[in-house]
Amino acid sequence: MIALAIATALLGINLAAFLAFWWDKEAARAGGWRVREDTLLGLAVIGGSLGALAAQRMLRHKTRKQPFRTGLPAIVAVHAAIGMALLAFSGHLLDLLHWLARS
């Protein structure tokens, strides 16, 4: 149940990150309201790094601009390391979550 909630939340935040990059790309073309760079990076940091990276590559948006050029791959690497650590310690983590739920 917890895993499904986490997966759903991550899917949602990655979709939001992708759509924010798309919105910004369209606004840049049309000369309209732009999404703040802090917002784009913030969505990546809070879990939307894969969606942000996919949008960057697919839409060819923010590919040359720092901190997007190196920052997004770094955020993805940190998230991958966290994911691997969670998988490695998932048994202990689930025990802790169940214990906390009973408290």
PDB file of N, CA and C in Angstrom:
ATOM      1  N   MET A   1       0.822  -1.195   0.000  1.00  0.00           N
ATOM      2  CA  MET A   1       0.000   0.000   0.000  1.00  0.00           C
ATOM      3  C   MET A   1       0.869   1.263   0.000  1.00  0.00           C
ATOM      4  N   ILE A   2       1.888   1.264   0.856  1.00  0.00           N
ATOM      5  CA  ILE A   2       2.787   2.411   0.922  1.00  0.00           C
ATOM      6  C   ILE A   2       3.555   2.554  -0.387  1.00  0.00           C
ATOM      7  N   ALA A   3       3.995   1.424  -0.942  1.00  0.00           N
ATOM      8  CA  ALA A   3       4.756   1.456  -2.194  1.00  0.00           C
ATOM      9  C   ALA A   3       3.904   2.032  -3.326  1.00  0.00           C
ATOM     10  N   LEU A   4       2.631   1.684  -3.358  1.00  0.00           N
ATOM     11  CA  LEU A   4       1.732   2.211  -4.385  1.00  0.00           C
ATOM     12  C   LEU A   4       1.556   3.713  -4.232  1.00  0.00           C
ATOM     13  N   ALA A   5       1.425   4.175  -3.004  1.00  0.00           N
ATOM     14  CA  ALA A   5       1.281   5.615  -2.761  1.00  0.00           C
ATOM     15  C   ALA A   5       2.537   6.371  -3.181  1.00  0.00           C
ATOM     16  N   ILE A   6       3.700   5.815  -2.865  1.00  0.00           N
ATOM     17  CA  ILE A   6       4.960   6.454  -3.250  1.00  0.00           C
ATOM     18  C   ILE A   6       5.107   6.472  -4.765  1.00  0.00           C
ATOM     19  N   ALA A   7       4.801   5.355  -5.416  1.00  0.00           N
ATOM     20  CA  ALA A   7       4.902   5.279  -6.875  1.00  0.00           C
ATOM     21  C   ALA A   7       3.947   6.270  -7.541  1.00  0.00           C
ATOM     22  N   THR A   8       2.734   6.375  -7.014  1.00  0.00           N
ATOM     23  CA  THR A   8       1.755   7.316  -7.568  1.00  0.00           C
ATOM     24  C   THR A   8       2.228   8.753  -7.401  1.00  0.00           C
ATOM     25  N   ALA A   9       2.771   9.074  -6.235  1.00  0.00           N
ATOM     26  CA  ALA A   9       3.278  10.428  -5.987  1.00  0.00           C
ATOM     27  C   ALA A   9       4.442  10.753  -6.919  1.00  0.00           C
ATOM     28  N   LEU A  10       5.353   9.812  -7.093  1.00  0.00           N
ATOM     29  CA  LEU A  10       6.494  10.039  -7.983  1.00  0.00           C
ATOM     30  C   LEU A  10       6.058  10.180  -9.437  1.00  0.00           C
ATOM     31  N   LEU A  11       5.090   9.389  -9.841  1.00  0.00           N
ATOM     32  CA  LEU A  11       4.564   9.517 -11.198  1.00  0.00           C
ATOM     33  C   LEU A  11       3.946  10.902 -11.388  1.00  0.00           C
ATOM     34  N   GLY A  12       3.190  11.356 -10.403  1.00  0.00           N
ATOM     35  CA  GLY A  12       2.558  12.667 -10.485  1.00  0.00           C
ATOM     36  C   GLY A  12       3.561  13.806 -10.541  1.00  0.00           C
ATOM     37  N   ILE A  13       4.578  13.764  -9.703  1.00  0.00           N
ATOM     38  CA  ILE A  13       5.556  14.852  -9.684  1.00  0.00           C
ATOM     39  C   ILE A  13       6.406  14.840 -10.954  1.00  0.00           C
ATOM     40  N   ASN A  14       6.682  13.660 -11.501  1.00  0.00           N
ATOM     41  CA  ASN A  14       7.432  13.597 -12.761  1.00  0.00           C
ATOM     42  C   ASN A  14       6.589  14.109 -13.926  1.00  0.00           C
ATOM     43  N   LEU A  15       5.316  13.818 -13.905  1.00  0.00           N
ATOM     44  CA  LEU A  15       4.423  14.355 -14.932  1.00  0.00           C
ATOM     45  C   LEU A  15       4.339  15.874 -14.813  1.00  0.00           C
ATOM     46  N   ALA A  16       4.236  16.371 -13.588  1.00  0.00           N
ATOM     47  CA  ALA A  16       4.189  17.823 -13.364  1.00  0.00           C
ATOM     48  C   ALA A  16       5.477  18.491 -13.860  1.00  0.00           C
ATOM     49  N   ALA A  17       6.619  17.874 -13.605  1.00  0.00           N
ATOM     50  CA  ALA A  17       7.895  18.433 -14.059  1.00  0.00           C
ATOM     51  C   ALA A  17       7.952  18.461 -15.585  1.00  0.00           C
ATOM     52  N   PHE A  18       7.547  17.368 -16.215  1.00  0.00           N
ATOM     53  CA  PHE A  18       7.550  17.317 -17.677  1.00  0.00           C
ATOM     54  C   PHE A  18       6.650  18.407 -18.243  1.00  0.00           C
ATOM     55  N   LEU A  19       5.441  18.521 -17.691  1.00  0.00           N
ATOM     56  CA  LEU A  19       4.493  19.521 -18.188  1.00  0.00           C
ATOM     57  C   LEU A  19       4.983  20.947 -17.938  1.00  0.00           C
ATOM     58  N   ALA A  20       5.675  21.193 -16.844  1.00  0.00           N
ATOM     59  CA  ALA A  20       6.226  22.525 -16.573  1.00  0.00           C
ATOM     60  C   ALA A  20       7.286  22.887 -17.613  1.00  0.00           C
ATOM     61  N   PHE A  21       8.134  21.935 -17.976  1.00  0.00           N
ATOM     62  CA  PHE A  21       9.129  22.183 -19.019  1.00  0.00           C
ATOM     63  C   PHE A  21       8.437  22.437 -20.356  1.00  0.00           C
ATOM     64  N   TRP A  22       7.407  21.653 -20.657  1.00  0.00           N
ATOM     65  CA  TRP A  22       6.667  21.838 -21.895  1.00  0.00           C
ATOM     66  C   TRP A  22       6.023  23.229 -21.931  1.00  0.00           C
ATOM     67  N   TRP A  23       5.378  23.615 -20.814  1.00  0.00           N
ATOM     68  CA  TRP A  23       4.732  24.928 -20.726  1.00  0.00           C
ATOM     69  C   TRP A  23       5.765  26.032 -20.969  1.00  0.00           C
ATOM     70  N   ASP A  24       6.919  25.913 -20.342  1.00  0.00           N
ATOM     71  CA  ASP A  24       7.961  26.920 -20.486  1.00  0.00           C
ATOM     72  C   ASP A  24       8.470  26.984 -21.919  1.00  0.00           C
ATOM     73  N   LYS A  25       8.612  25.838 -22.547  1.00  0.00           N
ATOM     74  CA  LYS A  25       9.065  25.807 -23.947  1.00  0.00           C
ATOM     75  C   LYS A  25       8.052  26.505 -24.850  1.00  0.00           C
ATOM     76  N   GLU A  26       6.772  26.210 -24.649  1.00  0.00           N
ATOM     77  CA  GLU A  26       5.731  26.845 -25.453  1.00  0.00           C
ATOM     78  C   GLU A  26       5.669  28.347 -25.196  1.00  0.00           C
ATOM     79  N   ALA A  27       5.823  28.744 -23.946  1.00  0.00           N
ATOM     80  CA  ALA A  27       5.813  30.170 -23.608  1.00  0.00           C
ATOM     81  C   ALA A  27       7.015  30.881 -24.217  1.00  0.00           C
ATOM     82  N   ALA A  28       8.143  30.210 -24.257  1.00  0.00           N
ATOM     83  CA  ALA A  28       9.336  30.809 -24.860  1.00  0.00           C
ATOM     84  C   ALA A  28       9.118  31.043 -26.355  1.00  0.00           C
ATOM     85  N   ARG A  29       8.469  30.107 -27.006  1.00  0.00           N
ATOM     86  CA  ARG A  29       8.185  30.255 -28.437  1.00  0.00           C
ATOM     87  C   ARG A  29       7.202  31.396 -28.698  1.00  0.00           C
ATOM     88  N   ALA A  30       6.187  31.493 -27.824  1.00  0.00           N
ATOM     89  CA  ALA A  30       5.118  32.470 -28.032  1.00  0.00           C
ATOM     90  C   ALA A  30       5.412  33.828 -27.410  1.00  0.00           C
ATOM     91  N   GLY A  31       6.487  33.912 -26.648  1.00  0.00           N
ATOM     92  CA  GLY A  31       6.810  35.169 -25.975  1.00  0.00           C
ATOM     93  C   GLY A  31       5.898  35.449 -24.799  1.00  0.00           C
ATOM     94  N   GLY A  32       5.355  34.399 -24.211  1.00  0.00           N
ATOM     95  CA  GLY A  32       4.413  34.547 -23.106  1.00  0.00           C
ATOM     96  C   GLY A  32       5.061  34.378 -21.746  1.00  0.00           C
ATOM     97  N   TRP A  33       4.207  34.181 -20.731  1.00  0.00           N
ATOM     98  CA  TRP A  33       4.633  34.006 -19.351  1.00  0.00           C
ATOM     99  C   TRP A  33       5.481  32.750 -19.238  1.00  0.00           C
ATOM    100  N   ARG A  34       6.635  32.873 -18.604  1.00  0.00           N
ATOM    101  CA  ARG A  34       7.588  31.766 -18.474  1.00  0.00           C
ATOM    102  C   ARG A  34       7.522  31.175 -17.079  1.00  0.00           C
ATOM    103  N   VAL A  35       7.897  29.925 -16.975  1.00  0.00           N
ATOM    104  CA  VAL A  35       8.011  29.244 -15.690  1.00  0.00           C
ATOM    105  C   VAL A  35       9.370  29.605 -15.108  1.00  0.00           C
ATOM    106  N   ARG A  36       9.388  29.981 -13.834  1.00  0.00           N
ATOM    107  CA  ARG A  36      10.654  30.351 -13.192  1.00  0.00           C
ATOM    108  C   ARG A  36      11.605  29.152 -13.179  1.00  0.00           C
ATOM    109  N   GLU A  37      12.880  29.449 -13.361  1.00  0.00           N
ATOM    110  CA  GLU A  37      13.883  28.386 -13.330  1.00  0.00           C
ATOM    111  C   GLU A  37      13.917  27.684 -11.981  1.00  0.00           C
ATOM    112  N   ASP A  38      13.709  28.435 -10.898  1.00  0.00           N
ATOM    113  CA  ASP A  38      13.650  27.832  -9.564  1.00  0.00           C
ATOM    114  C   ASP A  38      12.525  26.796  -9.475  1.00  0.00           C
ATOM    115  N   THR A  39      11.424  27.085 -10.124  1.00  0.00           N
ATOM    116  CA  THR A  39      10.296  26.149 -10.116  1.00  0.00           C
ATOM    117  C   THR A  39      10.648  24.882 -10.876  1.00  0.00           C
ATOM    118  N   LEU A  40      11.250  25.043 -12.044  1.00  0.00           N
ATOM    119  CA  LEU A  40      11.635  23.873 -12.841  1.00  0.00           C
ATOM    120  C   LEU A  40      12.621  22.991 -12.082  1.00  0.00           C
ATOM    121  N   LEU A  41      13.633  23.609 -11.498  1.00  0.00           N
ATOM    122  CA  LEU A  41      14.618  22.835 -10.729  1.00  0.00           C
ATOM    123  C   LEU A  41      14.004  22.282  -9.443  1.00  0.00           C
ATOM    124  N   GLY A  42      13.132  23.050  -8.830  1.00  0.00           N
ATOM    125  CA  GLY A  42      12.477  22.577  -7.604  1.00  0.00           C
ATOM    126  C   GLY A  42      11.651  21.333  -7.843  1.00  0.00           C
ATOM    127  N   LEU A  43      10.927  21.292  -8.954  1.00  0.00           N
ATOM    128  CA  LEU A  43      10.162  20.088  -9.290  1.00  0.00           C
ATOM    129  C   LEU A  43      11.084  18.883  -9.478  1.00  0.00           C
ATOM    130  N   ALA A  44      12.248  19.123 -10.066  1.00  0.00           N
ATOM    131  CA  ALA A  44      13.218  18.035 -10.231  1.00  0.00           C
ATOM    132  C   ALA A  44      13.735  17.564  -8.879  1.00  0.00           C
ATOM    133  N   VAL A  45      14.052  18.501  -7.999  1.00  0.00           N
ATOM    134  CA  VAL A  45      14.635  18.158  -6.694  1.00  0.00           C
ATOM    135  C   VAL A  45      13.661  17.364  -5.833  1.00  0.00           C
ATOM    136  N   ILE A  46      12.381  17.717  -5.867  1.00  0.00           N
ATOM    137  CA  ILE A  46      11.429  17.034  -4.975  1.00  0.00           C
ATOM    138  C   ILE A  46      10.945  15.692  -5.524  1.00  0.00           C
ATOM    139  N   GLY A  47      11.551  15.228  -6.600  1.00  0.00           N
ATOM    140  CA  GLY A  47      11.237  13.887  -7.090  1.00  0.00           C
ATOM    141  C   GLY A  47      10.935  13.798  -8.566  1.00  0.00           C
ATOM    142  N   GLY A  48      10.860  14.925  -9.260  1.00  0.00           N
ATOM    143  CA  GLY A  48      10.524  14.914 -10.674  1.00  0.00           C
ATOM    144  C   GLY A  48      11.721  14.963 -11.601  1.00  0.00           C
ATOM    145  N   SER A  49      12.847  14.448 -11.155  1.00  0.00           N
ATOM    146  CA  SER A  49      14.073  14.566 -11.951  1.00  0.00           C
ATOM    147  C   SER A  49      13.997  13.801 -13.266  1.00  0.00           C
ATOM    148  N   LEU A  50      13.395  12.630 -13.268  1.00  0.00           N
ATOM    149  CA  LEU A  50      13.306  11.871 -14.520  1.00  0.00           C
ATOM    150  C   LEU A  50      12.376  12.550 -15.510  1.00  0.00           C
ATOM    151  N   GLY A  51      11.260  13.095 -15.033  1.00  0.00           N
ATOM    152  CA  GLY A  51      10.351  13.833 -15.909  1.00  0.00           C
ATOM    153  C   GLY A  51      11.000  15.084 -16.459  1.00  0.00           C
ATOM    154  N   ALA A  52      11.757  15.789 -15.600  1.00  0.00           N
ATOM    155  CA  ALA A  52      12.450  17.004 -16.043  1.00  0.00           C
ATOM    156  C   ALA A  52      13.528  16.668 -17.069  1.00  0.00           C
ATOM    157  N   LEU A  53      14.291  15.626 -16.813  1.00  0.00           N
ATOM    158  CA  LEU A  53      15.351  15.229 -17.746  1.00  0.00           C
ATOM    159  C   LEU A  53      14.762  14.753 -19.072  1.00  0.00           C
ATOM    160  N   ALA A  54      13.681  13.984 -18.991  1.00  0.00           N
ATOM    161  CA  ALA A  54      13.027  13.519 -20.221  1.00  0.00           C
ATOM    162  C   ALA A  54      12.514  14.699 -21.039  1.00  0.00           C
ATOM    163  N   ALA A  55      11.900  15.672 -20.376  1.00  0.00           N
ATOM    164  CA  ALA A  55      11.396  16.859 -21.080  1.00  0.00           C
ATOM    165  C   ALA A  55      12.547  17.651 -21.679  1.00  0.00           C
ATOM    166  N   GLN A  56      13.613  17.800 -20.919  1.00  0.00           N
ATOM    167  CA  GLN A  56      14.772  18.548 -21.417  1.00  0.00           C
ATOM    168  C   GLN A  56      15.287  17.921 -22.710  1.00  0.00           C
ATOM    169  N   ARG A  57      15.382  16.613 -22.721  1.00  0.00           N
ATOM    170  CA  ARG A  57      15.919  15.916 -23.892  1.00  0.00           C
ATOM    171  C   ARG A  57      14.905  15.864 -25.039  1.00  0.00           C
ATOM    172  N   MET A  58      13.663  15.520 -24.732  1.00  0.00           N
ATOM    173  CA  MET A  58      12.657  15.368 -25.776  1.00  0.00           C
ATOM    174  C   MET A  58      12.258  16.698 -26.408  1.00  0.00           C
ATOM    175  N   LEU A  59      12.149  17.732 -25.574  1.00  0.00           N
ATOM    176  CA  LEU A  59      11.713  19.033 -26.062  1.00  0.00           C
ATOM    177  C   LEU A  59      12.873  19.925 -26.484  1.00  0.00           C
ATOM    178  N   ARG A  60      14.090  19.465 -26.195  1.00  0.00           N
ATOM    179  CA  ARG A  60      15.305  20.259 -26.448  1.00  0.00           C
ATOM    180  C   ARG A  60      15.178  21.639 -25.817  1.00  0.00           C
ATOM    181  N   HIS A  61      14.869  21.612 -24.539  1.00  0.00           N
ATOM    182  CA  HIS A  61      14.640  22.853 -23.796  1.00  0.00           C
ATOM    183  C   HIS A  61      15.573  22.904 -22.591  1.00  0.00           C
ATOM    184  N   LYS A  62      16.245  24.025 -22.409  1.00  0.00           N
ATOM    185  CA  LYS A  62      17.191  24.240 -21.305  1.00  0.00           C
ATOM    186  C   LYS A  62      18.370  23.272 -21.391  1.00  0.00           C
ATOM    187  N   THR A  63      18.781  22.935 -22.593  1.00  0.00           N
ATOM    188  CA  THR A  63      19.872  21.965 -22.756  1.00  0.00           C
ATOM    189  C   THR A  63      21.253  22.597 -22.643  1.00  0.00           C
ATOM    190  N   ARG A  64      21.358  23.879 -22.936  1.00  0.00           N
ATOM    191  CA  ARG A  64      22.666  24.543 -22.884  1.00  0.00           C
ATOM    192  C   ARG A  64      22.804  25.457 -21.682  1.00  0.00           C
ATOM    193  N   LYS A  65      21.726  25.738 -21.014  1.00  0.00           N
ATOM    194  CA  LYS A  65      21.746  26.715 -19.926  1.00  0.00           C
ATOM    195  C   LYS A  65      22.105  26.051 -18.593  1.00  0.00           C
ATOM    196  N   GLN A  66      23.030  26.707 -17.882  1.00  0.00           N
ATOM    197  CA  GLN A  66      23.335  26.266 -16.513  1.00  0.00           C
ATOM    198  C   GLN A  66      22.278  26.856 -15.601  1.00  0.00           C
ATOM    199  N   PRO A  67      21.870  26.208 -14.567  1.00  0.00           N
ATOM    200  CA  PRO A  67      22.363  24.949 -13.999  1.00  0.00           C
ATOM    201  C   PRO A  67      21.697  23.702 -14.572  1.00  0.00           C
ATOM    202  N   PHE A  68      20.890  23.853 -15.613  1.00  0.00           N
ATOM    203  CA  PHE A  68      20.164  22.707 -16.159  1.00  0.00           C
ATOM    204  C   PHE A  68      21.080  21.709 -16.850  1.00  0.00           C
ATOM    205  N   ARG A  69      22.103  22.197 -17.482  1.00  0.00           N
ATOM    206  CA  ARG A  69      22.990  21.321 -18.247  1.00  0.00           C
ATOM    207  C   ARG A  69      23.658  20.271 -17.366  1.00  0.00           C
ATOM    208  N   THR A  70      24.148  20.680 -16.215  1.00  0.00           N
ATOM    209  CA  THR A  70      24.801  19.729 -15.313  1.00  0.00           C
ATOM    210  C   THR A  70      23.950  19.414 -14.095  1.00  0.00           C
ATOM    211  N   GLY A  71      23.080  20.342 -13.731  1.00  0.00           N
ATOM    212  CA  GLY A  71      22.283  20.164 -12.516  1.00  0.00           C
ATOM    213  C   GLY A  71      21.281  19.033 -12.602  1.00  0.00           C
ATOM    214  N   LEU A  72      20.554  18.949 -13.722  1.00  0.00           N
ATOM    215  CA  LEU A  72      19.550  17.877 -13.838  1.00  0.00           C
ATOM    216  C   LEU A  72      20.181  16.487 -13.800  1.00  0.00           C
ATOM    217  N   PRO A  73      21.252  16.236 -14.563  1.00  0.00           N
ATOM    218  CA  PRO A  73      21.872  14.908 -14.440  1.00  0.00           C
ATOM    219  C   PRO A  73      22.384  14.627 -13.015  1.00  0.00           C
ATOM    220  N   ALA A  74      22.866  15.650 -12.327  1.00  0.00           N
ATOM    221  CA  ALA A  74      23.332  15.458 -10.949  1.00  0.00           C
ATOM    222  C   ALA A  74      22.166  15.106 -10.030  1.00  0.00           C
ATOM    223  N   ILE A  75      21.031  15.768 -10.208  1.00  0.00           N
ATOM    224  CA  ILE A  75      19.846  15.465  -9.396  1.00  0.00           C
ATOM    225  C   ILE A  75      19.377  14.040  -9.667  1.00  0.00           C
ATOM    226  N   VAL A  76      19.382  13.634 -10.940  1.00  0.00           N
ATOM    227  CA  VAL A  76      19.002  12.257 -11.282  1.00  0.00           C
ATOM    228  C   VAL A  76      19.949  11.269 -10.602  1.00  0.00           C
ATOM    229  N   ALA A  77      21.246  11.552 -10.604  1.00  0.00           N
ATOM    230  CA  ALA A  77      22.223  10.658  -9.965  1.00  0.00           C
ATOM    231  C   ALA A  77      21.970  10.539  -8.468  1.00  0.00           C
ATOM    232  N   VAL A  78      21.672  11.666  -7.823  1.00  0.00           N
ATOM    233  CA  VAL A  78      21.380  11.632  -6.379  1.00  0.00           C
ATOM    234  C   VAL A  78      20.111  10.822  -6.126  1.00  0.00           C
ATOM    235  N   HIS A  79      19.087  11.046  -6.941  1.00  0.00           N
ATOM    236  CA  HIS A  79      17.844  10.287  -6.766  1.00  0.00           C
ATOM    237  C   HIS A  79      18.068   8.794  -7.013  1.00  0.00           C
ATOM    238  N   ALA A  80      18.903   8.459  -7.990  1.00  0.00           N
ATOM    239  CA  ALA A  80      19.204   7.047  -8.245  1.00  0.00           C
ATOM    240  C   ALA A  80      19.921   6.422  -7.050  1.00  0.00           C
ATOM    241  N   ALA A  81      20.858   7.155  -6.462  1.00  0.00           N
ATOM    242  CA  ALA A  81      21.572   6.644  -5.286  1.00  0.00           C
ATOM    243  C   ALA A  81      20.615   6.448  -4.113  1.00  0.00           C
ATOM    244  N   ILE A  82      19.717   7.398  -3.922  1.00  0.00           N
ATOM    245  CA  ILE A  82      18.719   7.261  -2.845  1.00  0.00           C
ATOM    246  C   ILE A  82      17.828   6.055  -3.112  1.00  0.00           C
ATOM    247  N   GLY A  83      17.409   5.893  -4.370  1.00  0.00           N
ATOM    248  CA  GLY A  83      16.569   4.745  -4.721  1.00  0.00           C
ATOM    249  C   GLY A  83      17.266   3.420  -4.487  1.00  0.00           C
ATOM    250  N   MET A  84      18.540   3.338  -4.857  1.00  0.00           N
ATOM    251  CA  MET A  84      19.288   2.101  -4.625  1.00  0.00           C
ATOM    252  C   MET A  84      19.452   1.824  -3.131  1.00  0.00           C
ATOM    253  N   ALA A  85      19.701   2.879  -2.355  1.00  0.00           N
ATOM    254  CA  ALA A  85      19.836   2.698  -0.908  1.00  0.00           C
ATOM    255  C   ALA A  85      18.517   2.227  -0.299  1.00  0.00           C
ATOM    256  N   LEU A  86      17.423   2.802  -0.758  1.00  0.00           N
ATOM    257  CA  LEU A  86      16.117   2.380  -0.245  1.00  0.00           C
ATOM    258  C   LEU A  86      15.834   0.929  -0.594  1.00  0.00           C
ATOM    259  N   LEU A  87      16.198   0.519  -1.803  1.00  0.00           N
ATOM    260  CA  LEU A  87      16.007  -0.878  -2.182  1.00  0.00           C
ATOM    261  C   LEU A  87      16.894  -1.802  -1.354  1.00  0.00           C
ATOM    262  N   ALA A  88      18.116  -1.385  -1.118  1.00  0.00           N
ATOM    263  CA  ALA A  88      19.048  -2.212  -0.356  1.00  0.00           C
ATOM    264  C   ALA A  88      18.574  -2.401   1.088  1.00  0.00           C
ATOM    265  N   PHE A  89      17.960  -1.371   1.634  1.00  0.00           N
ATOM    266  CA  PHE A  89      17.518  -1.424   3.028  1.00  0.00           C
ATOM    267  C   PHE A  89      16.002  -1.505   3.147  1.00  0.00           C
ATOM    268  N   SER A  90      15.335  -1.949   2.076  1.00  0.00           N
ATOM    269  CA  SER A  90      13.874  -1.921   2.052  1.00  0.00           C
ATOM    270  C   SER A  90      13.253  -2.761   3.156  1.00  0.00           C
ATOM    271  N   GLY A  91      13.854  -3.900   3.475  1.00  0.00           N
ATOM    272  CA  GLY A  91      13.299  -4.720   4.548  1.00  0.00           C
ATOM    273  C   GLY A  91      13.307  -3.982   5.869  1.00  0.00           C
ATOM    274  N   HIS A  92      14.410  -3.336   6.187  1.00  0.00           N
ATOM    275  CA  HIS A  92      14.511  -2.578   7.421  1.00  0.00           C
ATOM    276  C   HIS A  92      13.608  -1.358   7.384  1.00  0.00           C
ATOM    277  N   LEU A  93      13.512  -0.736   6.231  1.00  0.00           N
ATOM    278  CA  LEU A  93      12.670   0.443   6.092  1.00  0.00           C
ATOM    279  C   LEU A  93      11.204   0.087   6.282  1.00  0.00           C
ATOM    280  N   LEU A  94      10.780  -1.032   5.699  1.00  0.00           N
ATOM    281  CA  LEU A  94       9.384  -1.460   5.875  1.00  0.00           C
ATOM    282  C   LEU A  94       9.088  -1.789   7.329  1.00  0.00           C
ATOM    283  N   ASP A  95      10.029  -2.434   8.006  1.00  0.00           N
ATOM    284  CA  ASP A  95       9.845  -2.712   9.432  1.00  0.00           C
ATOM    285  C   ASP A  95       9.675  -1.414  10.210  1.00  0.00           C
ATOM    286  N   LEU A  96      10.491  -0.419   9.900  1.00  0.00           N
ATOM    287  CA  LEU A  96      10.401   0.877  10.584  1.00  0.00           C
ATOM    288  C   LEU A  96       9.062   1.553  10.304  1.00  0.00           C
ATOM    289  N   LEU A  97       8.632   1.523   9.046  1.00  0.00           N
ATOM    290  CA  LEU A  97       7.351   2.151   8.694  1.00  0.00           C
ATOM    291  C   LEU A  97       6.175   1.452   9.382  1.00  0.00           C
ATOM    292  N   HIS A  98       6.207   0.144   9.447  1.00  0.00           N
ATOM    293  CA  HIS A  98       5.148  -0.583  10.141  1.00  0.00           C
ATOM    294  C   HIS A  98       5.165  -0.270  11.639  1.00  0.00           C
ATOM    295  N   TRP A  99       6.342  -0.194  12.198  1.00  0.00           N
ATOM    296  CA  TRP A  99       6.459   0.148  13.620  1.00  0.00           C
ATOM    297  C   TRP A  99       5.916   1.553  13.881  1.00  0.00           C
ATOM    298  N   LEU A 100       6.259   2.494  13.014  1.00  0.00           N
ATOM    299  CA  LEU A 100       5.770   3.867  13.173  1.00  0.00           C
ATOM    300  C   LEU A 100       4.260   3.938  13.013  1.00  0.00           C
ATOM    301  N   ALA A 101       3.717   3.122  12.104  1.00  0.00           N
ATOM    302  CA  ALA A 101       2.266   3.125  11.887  1.00  0.00           C
ATOM    303  C   ALA A 101       1.526   2.593  13.099  1.00  0.00           C
ATOM    304  N   ARG A 102       2.125   1.673  13.832  1.00  0.00           N
ATOM    305  CA  ARG A 102       1.483   1.120  15.028  1.00  0.00           C
ATOM    306  C   ARG A 102       1.603   2.041  16.231  1.00  0.00           C
ATOM    307  N   SER A 103       2.560   2.937  16.202  1.00  0.00           N
ATOM    308  CA  SER A 103       2.790   3.826  17.369  1.00  0.00           C
ATOM    309  C   SER A 103       1.734   4.887  17.496  1.00  0.00           C
TER     310      SER A 103
END
